[in-house]
Amino acid sequence: MDFAIDPPNGVSPLQIGMGYEQALNAISMWGTPKTSGPHAHTSTVKLRVDYHSLDIVAHLEDGETLTAIELWRFDGDEPDVRVLLDGIDLFRTPAREVLRQQAERGRRVDESDPENAVIPDVTLAFTRDTGQEVPREPDGLPLYFTSILVANEEYYS
């Protein structure tokens, strides 16, 4: 299955701005979601599904409206599960190559924190943070991204 990242709109069928019930129904296509929140210290609700080698998390920061979607790749490689942005497989293409290609497409890439790169204009955030044994760059950074977050333009404001 291909997951197409469509910033700043979402990851179909999860669309930024949809309500709780819509998000719950949409994420359910990949499995039975686990819900967490709201908690005493935050109104954030998270809907989470494990789908093959992906952990899919829908964030509803006000408890009612989908504000961000995170895709985490965990141990294992499911060749039939791909996360794509502009045709680029985000978890199988080296992170530096993904960012280079996005810059070539005219997107501003912020690598001031090399482990957590951001493309702010379309609110894409990437992390290479991992405790797993993974292939690494000569500088020690993981070769591939371990998670991708997509949100709307106001997410970091």
N, C-alpha and C. Protein backbone atom coordinates (compact mmCIF):
# COMPACT_ATOMS: atom_id res chain seq x y z
N MET A 1 0.84 -1.17 0.00
CA MET A 1 0.00 0.00 0.00
C MET A 1 0.89 1.23 0.00
N ASP A 2 0.51 2.22 -0.76
CA ASP A 2 1.22 3.49 -0.81
C ASP A 2 0.47 4.52 0.04
N PHE A 3 1.22 5.24 0.85
CA PHE A 3 0.72 6.36 1.61
C PHE A 3 1.27 7.61 0.95
N ALA A 4 0.42 8.41 0.35
CA ALA A 4 0.87 9.61 -0.35
C ALA A 4 0.76 10.82 0.59
N ILE A 5 1.91 11.41 0.89
CA ILE A 5 1.96 12.62 1.71
C ILE A 5 1.54 13.79 0.82
N ASP A 6 0.56 14.55 1.26
CA ASP A 6 0.04 15.68 0.48
C ASP A 6 0.06 16.93 1.35
N PRO A 7 1.24 17.52 1.53
CA PRO A 7 1.31 18.69 2.41
C PRO A 7 0.71 19.92 1.75
N PRO A 8 0.01 20.74 2.43
CA PRO A 8 -0.31 20.70 3.86
C PRO A 8 -1.67 20.07 4.13
N ASN A 9 -2.15 19.22 3.23
CA ASN A 9 -3.51 18.67 3.34
C ASN A 9 -3.62 17.41 4.19
N GLY A 10 -2.59 16.57 4.20
CA GLY A 10 -2.66 15.36 5.01
C GLY A 10 -2.10 14.15 4.32
N VAL A 11 -2.62 13.00 4.71
CA VAL A 11 -2.27 11.70 4.15
C VAL A 11 -3.60 11.00 3.94
N SER A 12 -4.03 10.95 2.70
CA SER A 12 -5.36 10.45 2.38
C SER A 12 -5.59 9.06 2.98
N PRO A 13 -6.74 8.86 3.61
CA PRO A 13 -7.92 9.69 3.69
C PRO A 13 -7.93 10.68 4.88
N LEU A 14 -6.85 10.74 5.65
CA LEU A 14 -6.78 11.70 6.76
C LEU A 14 -6.48 13.09 6.20
N GLN A 15 -7.37 14.02 6.45
CA GLN A 15 -7.21 15.37 5.93
C GLN A 15 -7.18 16.36 7.09
N ILE A 16 -6.15 17.21 7.09
CA ILE A 16 -6.03 18.23 8.13
C ILE A 16 -7.32 19.05 8.16
N GLY A 17 -7.84 19.27 9.36
CA GLY A 17 -9.07 20.05 9.54
C GLY A 17 -10.31 19.21 9.74
N MET A 18 -10.24 17.92 9.47
CA MET A 18 -11.45 17.10 9.67
C MET A 18 -11.71 16.92 11.16
N GLY A 19 -12.96 16.65 11.48
CA GLY A 19 -13.37 16.48 12.87
C GLY A 19 -12.99 15.11 13.42
N TYR A 20 -13.20 14.96 14.72
CA TYR A 20 -12.83 13.73 15.43
C TYR A 20 -13.46 12.49 14.80
N GLU A 21 -14.75 12.50 14.59
CA GLU A 21 -15.44 11.31 14.06
C GLU A 21 -14.94 10.97 12.66
N GLN A 22 -14.73 11.98 11.83
CA GLN A 22 -14.21 11.75 10.48
C GLN A 22 -12.80 11.15 10.56
N ALA A 23 -11.96 11.71 11.43
CA ALA A 23 -10.59 11.20 11.58
C ALA A 23 -10.60 9.77 12.10
N LEU A 24 -11.47 9.49 13.06
CA LEU A 24 -11.59 8.13 13.60
C LEU A 24 -12.00 7.16 12.50
N ASN A 25 -12.97 7.53 11.70
CA ASN A 25 -13.40 6.66 10.59
C ASN A 25 -12.30 6.48 9.56
N ALA A 26 -11.58 7.56 9.24
CA ALA A 26 -10.54 7.50 8.22
C ALA A 26 -9.37 6.61 8.67
N ILE A 27 -8.89 6.80 9.89
CA ILE A 27 -7.74 6.03 10.35
C ILE A 27 -8.10 4.56 10.56
N SER A 28 -9.39 4.28 10.75
CA SER A 28 -9.85 2.90 10.97
C SER A 28 -9.66 2.02 9.74
N MET A 29 -9.44 2.61 8.58
CA MET A 29 -9.22 1.78 7.38
C MET A 29 -7.93 0.98 7.50
N TRP A 30 -7.02 1.40 8.40
CA TRP A 30 -5.74 0.71 8.58
C TRP A 30 -5.71 -0.18 9.81
N GLY A 31 -6.79 -0.25 10.56
CA GLY A 31 -6.84 -1.09 11.75
C GLY A 31 -7.70 -0.45 12.82
N THR A 32 -7.73 -1.08 13.96
CA THR A 32 -8.51 -0.57 15.09
C THR A 32 -7.68 0.46 15.84
N PRO A 33 -8.11 1.72 15.83
CA PRO A 33 -7.31 2.77 16.48
C PRO A 33 -7.36 2.70 18.00
N LYS A 34 -6.24 3.08 18.59
CA LYS A 34 -6.16 3.29 20.03
C LYS A 34 -6.25 4.79 20.24
N THR A 35 -7.04 5.19 21.22
CA THR A 35 -7.21 6.61 21.51
C THR A 35 -6.53 6.95 22.82
N SER A 36 -5.81 8.07 22.82
CA SER A 36 -5.26 8.59 24.08
C SER A 36 -5.61 10.06 24.19
N GLY A 37 -5.82 10.49 25.43
CA GLY A 37 -6.17 11.88 25.70
C GLY A 37 -7.67 12.07 25.60
N PRO A 38 -8.16 13.23 25.95
CA PRO A 38 -7.38 14.32 26.54
C PRO A 38 -6.96 13.96 27.97
N HIS A 39 -5.95 14.67 28.44
CA HIS A 39 -5.44 14.46 29.79
C HIS A 39 -5.61 15.76 30.58
N ALA A 40 -5.37 15.69 31.87
CA ALA A 40 -5.55 16.86 32.74
C ALA A 40 -4.72 18.05 32.29
N HIS A 41 -3.53 17.80 31.73
CA HIS A 41 -2.63 18.88 31.36
C HIS A 41 -2.73 19.31 29.90
N THR A 42 -3.51 18.60 29.08
CA THR A 42 -3.63 18.94 27.67
C THR A 42 -4.95 18.44 27.09
N SER A 43 -5.45 19.17 26.11
CA SER A 43 -6.68 18.75 25.44
C SER A 43 -6.41 17.86 24.24
N THR A 44 -5.13 17.61 23.94
CA THR A 44 -4.76 16.83 22.76
C THR A 44 -5.29 15.41 22.84
N VAL A 45 -5.87 14.98 21.71
CA VAL A 45 -6.31 13.60 21.54
C VAL A 45 -5.46 13.02 20.41
N LYS A 46 -5.01 11.78 20.60
CA LYS A 46 -4.26 11.08 19.56
C LYS A 46 -4.99 9.79 19.21
N LEU A 47 -5.10 9.55 17.92
CA LEU A 47 -5.62 8.30 17.39
C LEU A 47 -4.44 7.58 16.77
N ARG A 48 -4.23 6.32 17.14
CA ARG A 48 -3.03 5.61 16.70
C ARG A 48 -3.39 4.23 16.18
N VAL A 49 -2.74 3.88 15.05
CA VAL A 49 -2.92 2.56 14.45
C VAL A 49 -1.55 2.05 14.02
N ASP A 50 -1.29 0.77 14.28
CA ASP A 50 -0.11 0.12 13.72
C ASP A 50 -0.56 -0.60 12.46
N TYR A 51 0.08 -0.25 11.36
CA TYR A 51 -0.24 -0.87 10.07
C TYR A 51 1.05 -1.43 9.49
N HIS A 52 1.21 -2.73 9.53
CA HIS A 52 2.42 -3.41 9.08
C HIS A 52 3.63 -2.79 9.77
N SER A 53 4.53 -2.16 9.02
CA SER A 53 5.74 -1.59 9.62
C SER A 53 5.60 -0.09 9.93
N LEU A 54 4.37 0.41 9.93
CA LEU A 54 4.13 1.83 10.21
C LEU A 54 3.30 2.01 11.47
N ASP A 55 3.61 3.07 12.18
CA ASP A 55 2.79 3.53 13.29
C ASP A 55 2.20 4.85 12.80
N ILE A 56 0.89 4.92 12.68
CA ILE A 56 0.20 6.10 12.16
C ILE A 56 -0.49 6.79 13.33
N VAL A 57 -0.18 8.08 13.52
CA VAL A 57 -0.74 8.84 14.64
C VAL A 57 -1.43 10.08 14.09
N ALA A 58 -2.71 10.22 14.41
CA ALA A 58 -3.47 11.42 14.07
C ALA A 58 -3.57 12.29 15.32
N HIS A 59 -3.13 13.53 15.22
CA HIS A 59 -3.14 14.46 16.35
C HIS A 59 -4.32 15.42 16.23
N LEU A 60 -5.12 15.50 17.28
CA LEU A 60 -6.21 16.46 17.37
C LEU A 60 -5.89 17.33 18.58
N GLU A 61 -5.16 18.41 18.36
CA GLU A 61 -4.60 19.16 19.48
C GLU A 61 -5.63 19.90 20.31
N ASP A 62 -6.78 20.21 19.72
CA ASP A 62 -7.85 20.81 20.51
C ASP A 62 -8.87 19.76 20.94
N GLY A 63 -8.57 18.50 20.64
CA GLY A 63 -9.45 17.39 20.98
C GLY A 63 -10.58 17.18 19.99
N GLU A 64 -10.69 18.07 18.99
CA GLU A 64 -11.83 18.01 18.07
C GLU A 64 -11.46 18.04 16.60
N THR A 65 -10.30 18.61 16.25
CA THR A 65 -9.94 18.84 14.86
C THR A 65 -8.56 18.26 14.56
N LEU A 66 -8.45 17.53 13.46
CA LEU A 66 -7.18 16.94 13.06
C LEU A 66 -6.20 18.04 12.68
N THR A 67 -5.06 18.10 13.38
CA THR A 67 -4.07 19.14 13.15
C THR A 67 -2.77 18.61 12.55
N ALA A 68 -2.46 17.34 12.74
CA ALA A 68 -1.22 16.77 12.21
C ALA A 68 -1.34 15.26 12.12
N ILE A 69 -0.53 14.71 11.22
CA ILE A 69 -0.45 13.26 11.04
C ILE A 69 1.02 12.89 11.07
N GLU A 70 1.36 11.89 11.88
CA GLU A 70 2.72 11.40 11.95
C GLU A 70 2.76 9.96 11.49
N LEU A 71 3.76 9.64 10.72
CA LEU A 71 4.01 8.27 10.29
C LEU A 71 5.38 7.88 10.81
N TRP A 72 5.43 6.81 11.59
CA TRP A 72 6.68 6.30 12.16
C TRP A 72 6.96 4.95 11.53
N ARG A 73 8.17 4.74 11.14
CA ARG A 73 8.57 3.43 10.64
C ARG A 73 9.28 2.71 11.78
N PHE A 74 8.82 1.53 12.11
CA PHE A 74 9.49 0.76 13.15
C PHE A 74 10.13 -0.46 12.54
N ASP A 75 10.78 -1.26 13.37
CA ASP A 75 11.53 -2.42 12.90
C ASP A 75 10.78 -3.21 11.85
N GLY A 76 11.51 -3.67 10.88
CA GLY A 76 10.91 -4.46 9.81
C GLY A 76 10.75 -3.62 8.56
N ASP A 77 10.77 -4.27 7.45
CA ASP A 77 10.63 -3.57 6.19
C ASP A 77 9.59 -4.29 5.36
N GLU A 78 8.47 -3.66 5.21
CA GLU A 78 7.38 -4.22 4.41
C GLU A 78 7.52 -3.64 3.01
N PRO A 79 7.97 -4.42 2.04
CA PRO A 79 8.19 -3.86 0.70
C PRO A 79 6.91 -3.34 0.05
N ASP A 80 5.76 -3.81 0.51
CA ASP A 80 4.50 -3.36 -0.08
C ASP A 80 3.95 -2.11 0.58
N VAL A 81 4.63 -1.58 1.60
CA VAL A 81 4.18 -0.38 2.29
C VAL A 81 5.20 0.72 2.00
N ARG A 82 4.74 1.76 1.28
CA ARG A 82 5.62 2.88 0.94
C ARG A 82 4.96 4.19 1.36
N VAL A 83 5.77 5.12 1.82
CA VAL A 83 5.32 6.46 2.15
C VAL A 83 5.98 7.39 1.14
N LEU A 84 5.15 8.02 0.30
CA LEU A 84 5.65 8.76 -0.85
C LEU A 84 5.37 10.26 -0.75
N LEU A 85 6.34 11.04 -1.18
CA LEU A 85 6.20 12.48 -1.36
C LEU A 85 6.78 12.80 -2.72
N ASP A 86 5.94 13.29 -3.61
CA ASP A 86 6.38 13.59 -4.98
C ASP A 86 7.05 12.38 -5.62
N GLY A 87 6.55 11.19 -5.33
CA GLY A 87 7.09 9.96 -5.90
C GLY A 87 8.33 9.43 -5.20
N ILE A 88 8.82 10.13 -4.18
CA ILE A 88 10.02 9.71 -3.44
C ILE A 88 9.58 8.86 -2.25
N ASP A 89 10.18 7.69 -2.10
CA ASP A 89 9.90 6.82 -0.96
C ASP A 89 10.66 7.37 0.24
N LEU A 90 9.96 7.99 1.17
CA LEU A 90 10.58 8.74 2.25
C LEU A 90 11.33 7.88 3.27
N PHE A 91 10.98 6.62 3.40
CA PHE A 91 11.66 5.76 4.36
C PHE A 91 12.72 4.86 3.73
N ARG A 92 12.82 4.85 2.41
CA ARG A 92 13.82 4.01 1.74
C ARG A 92 14.83 4.82 0.93
N THR A 93 14.61 6.11 0.82
CA THR A 93 15.56 7.00 0.14
C THR A 93 16.39 7.67 1.23
N PRO A 94 17.70 7.73 1.07
CA PRO A 94 18.52 8.39 2.10
C PRO A 94 18.00 9.80 2.40
N ALA A 95 18.00 10.14 3.68
CA ALA A 95 17.44 11.41 4.14
C ALA A 95 18.04 12.60 3.41
N ARG A 96 19.35 12.62 3.24
CA ARG A 96 19.99 13.75 2.55
C ARG A 96 19.47 13.89 1.12
N GLU A 97 19.21 12.77 0.47
CA GLU A 97 18.69 12.79 -0.90
C GLU A 97 17.26 13.33 -0.92
N VAL A 98 16.44 12.92 0.02
CA VAL A 98 15.07 13.43 0.10
C VAL A 98 15.09 14.95 0.23
N LEU A 99 15.91 15.45 1.15
CA LEU A 99 15.97 16.90 1.38
C LEU A 99 16.54 17.63 0.19
N ARG A 100 17.53 17.06 -0.47
CA ARG A 100 18.10 17.68 -1.66
C ARG A 100 17.05 17.79 -2.75
N GLN A 101 16.29 16.73 -2.97
CA GLN A 101 15.25 16.75 -4.00
C GLN A 101 14.15 17.76 -3.67
N GLN A 102 13.81 17.88 -2.40
CA GLN A 102 12.79 18.86 -2.02
C GLN A 102 13.30 20.28 -2.25
N ALA A 103 14.57 20.53 -1.95
CA ALA A 103 15.16 21.85 -2.21
C ALA A 103 15.17 22.14 -3.71
N GLU A 104 15.46 21.14 -4.52
CA GLU A 104 15.44 21.31 -5.98
C GLU A 104 14.05 21.64 -6.49
N ARG A 105 13.02 21.22 -5.77
CA ARG A 105 11.63 21.53 -6.14
C ARG A 105 11.22 22.93 -5.67
N GLY A 106 12.17 23.64 -5.07
CA GLY A 106 11.89 25.01 -4.64
C GLY A 106 11.39 25.14 -3.22
N ARG A 107 11.38 24.05 -2.47
CA ARG A 107 10.93 24.11 -1.08
C ARG A 107 12.10 24.50 -0.18
N ARG A 108 11.83 25.37 0.77
CA ARG A 108 12.84 25.80 1.73
C ARG A 108 13.01 24.69 2.76
N VAL A 109 14.23 24.18 2.88
CA VAL A 109 14.55 23.08 3.79
C VAL A 109 15.37 23.66 4.95
N ASP A 110 14.90 23.43 6.17
CA ASP A 110 15.62 23.88 7.36
C ASP A 110 16.28 22.67 8.02
N GLU A 111 17.60 22.63 7.94
CA GLU A 111 18.37 21.55 8.54
C GLU A 111 19.21 22.07 9.70
N SER A 112 18.75 23.13 10.35
CA SER A 112 19.52 23.67 11.47
C SER A 112 19.67 22.64 12.59
N ASP A 113 18.71 21.74 12.71
CA ASP A 113 18.83 20.57 13.59
C ASP A 113 18.87 19.36 12.65
N PRO A 114 20.05 18.86 12.31
CA PRO A 114 20.18 17.83 11.28
C PRO A 114 19.39 16.55 11.55
N GLU A 115 19.11 16.27 12.82
CA GLU A 115 18.35 15.06 13.14
C GLU A 115 16.85 15.28 12.98
N ASN A 116 16.44 16.55 12.90
CA ASN A 116 15.01 16.89 12.82
C ASN A 116 14.80 17.99 11.79
N ALA A 117 14.91 17.65 10.52
CA ALA A 117 14.76 18.62 9.43
C ALA A 117 13.29 19.00 9.26
N VAL A 118 13.08 20.22 8.76
CA VAL A 118 11.72 20.74 8.56
C VAL A 118 11.65 21.42 7.20
N ILE A 119 10.52 21.26 6.55
CA ILE A 119 10.19 22.06 5.36
C ILE A 119 9.02 22.93 5.81
N PRO A 120 9.32 24.13 6.34
CA PRO A 120 8.30 24.92 7.03
C PRO A 120 7.16 25.43 6.15
N ASP A 121 7.41 25.73 4.89
CA ASP A 121 6.36 26.33 4.07
C ASP A 121 5.18 25.39 3.85
N VAL A 122 5.42 24.09 3.89
CA VAL A 122 4.32 23.12 3.75
C VAL A 122 4.16 22.29 5.01
N THR A 123 4.88 22.66 6.05
CA THR A 123 4.87 21.99 7.35
C THR A 123 5.03 20.48 7.22
N LEU A 124 6.22 20.14 6.80
CA LEU A 124 6.68 18.75 6.84
C LEU A 124 7.84 18.72 7.82
N ALA A 125 7.80 17.79 8.73
CA ALA A 125 8.89 17.63 9.69
C ALA A 125 9.36 16.18 9.62
N PHE A 126 10.65 16.01 9.66
CA PHE A 126 11.27 14.69 9.55
C PHE A 126 12.16 14.47 10.76
N THR A 127 12.24 13.23 11.20
CA THR A 127 13.21 12.91 12.24
C THR A 127 14.00 11.68 11.83
N ARG A 128 15.24 11.68 12.28
CA ARG A 128 16.09 10.50 12.12
C ARG A 128 16.42 9.94 13.49
N ASP A 129 15.79 10.46 14.52
CA ASP A 129 16.04 10.02 15.89
C ASP A 129 15.59 8.57 16.06
N THR A 130 16.48 7.74 16.56
CA THR A 130 16.13 6.34 16.75
C THR A 130 17.09 5.69 17.74
N GLY A 131 16.60 4.73 18.45
CA GLY A 131 17.43 3.94 19.34
C GLY A 131 17.77 2.60 18.70
N GLN A 132 17.25 2.38 17.50
CA GLN A 132 17.47 1.11 16.82
C GLN A 132 18.84 1.08 16.16
N GLU A 133 19.30 -0.13 15.92
CA GLU A 133 20.52 -0.32 15.13
C GLU A 133 20.12 -0.13 13.67
N VAL A 134 20.59 0.95 13.08
CA VAL A 134 20.24 1.27 11.69
C VAL A 134 21.49 1.72 10.95
N PRO A 135 21.46 1.67 9.61
CA PRO A 135 22.59 2.20 8.84
C PRO A 135 22.76 3.69 9.14
N ARG A 136 24.02 4.14 9.19
CA ARG A 136 24.30 5.53 9.56
C ARG A 136 25.20 6.19 8.53
N GLU A 137 25.07 7.52 8.48
CA GLU A 137 25.96 8.36 7.67
C GLU A 137 27.33 8.37 8.33
N PRO A 138 28.38 8.81 7.62
CA PRO A 138 29.70 8.94 8.25
C PRO A 138 29.71 9.86 9.48
N ASP A 139 28.78 10.85 9.51
CA ASP A 139 28.72 11.76 10.67
C ASP A 139 27.92 11.19 11.83
N GLY A 140 27.43 9.95 11.69
CA GLY A 140 26.70 9.30 12.78
C GLY A 140 25.20 9.40 12.70
N LEU A 141 24.67 10.29 11.85
CA LEU A 141 23.21 10.40 11.71
C LEU A 141 22.65 9.16 11.02
N PRO A 142 21.45 8.72 11.42
CA PRO A 142 20.83 7.64 10.68
C PRO A 142 20.69 7.99 9.20
N LEU A 143 20.90 7.03 8.35
CA LEU A 143 20.85 7.23 6.91
C LEU A 143 19.45 7.60 6.43
N TYR A 144 18.43 7.03 7.08
CA TYR A 144 17.04 7.21 6.64
C TYR A 144 16.22 7.91 7.72
N PHE A 145 15.12 8.52 7.30
CA PHE A 145 14.18 9.09 8.26
C PHE A 145 13.46 7.98 8.99
N THR A 146 13.09 8.26 10.25
CA THR A 146 12.30 7.31 11.03
C THR A 146 10.87 7.78 11.21
N SER A 147 10.62 9.09 11.02
CA SER A 147 9.24 9.57 11.06
C SER A 147 9.07 10.80 10.20
N ILE A 148 7.82 10.99 9.79
CA ILE A 148 7.42 12.16 9.00
C ILE A 148 6.15 12.71 9.62
N LEU A 149 6.10 14.02 9.78
CA LEU A 149 4.89 14.70 10.27
C LEU A 149 4.43 15.64 9.18
N VAL A 150 3.14 15.62 8.90
CA VAL A 150 2.54 16.56 7.95
C VAL A 150 1.44 17.32 8.69
N ALA A 151 1.41 18.63 8.48
CA ALA A 151 0.41 19.47 9.13
C ALA A 151 0.13 20.67 8.23
N ASN A 152 -0.72 21.57 8.70
CA ASN A 152 -0.98 22.77 7.89
C ASN A 152 0.02 23.86 8.23
N GLU A 153 -0.10 24.97 7.53
CA GLU A 153 0.88 26.05 7.63
C GLU A 153 0.93 26.69 9.00
N GLU A 154 -0.10 26.60 9.79
CA GLU A 154 -0.13 27.25 11.11
C GLU A 154 0.39 26.36 12.24
N TYR A 155 0.78 25.15 11.94
CA TYR A 155 1.11 24.18 12.97
C TYR A 155 2.18 24.65 13.93
N TYR A 156 3.24 25.25 13.43
CA TYR A 156 4.33 25.68 14.30
C TYR A 156 4.18 27.11 14.81
N SER A 157 3.11 27.80 14.43
CA SER A 157 2.95 29.19 14.90
C SER A 157 2.20 29.26 16.21
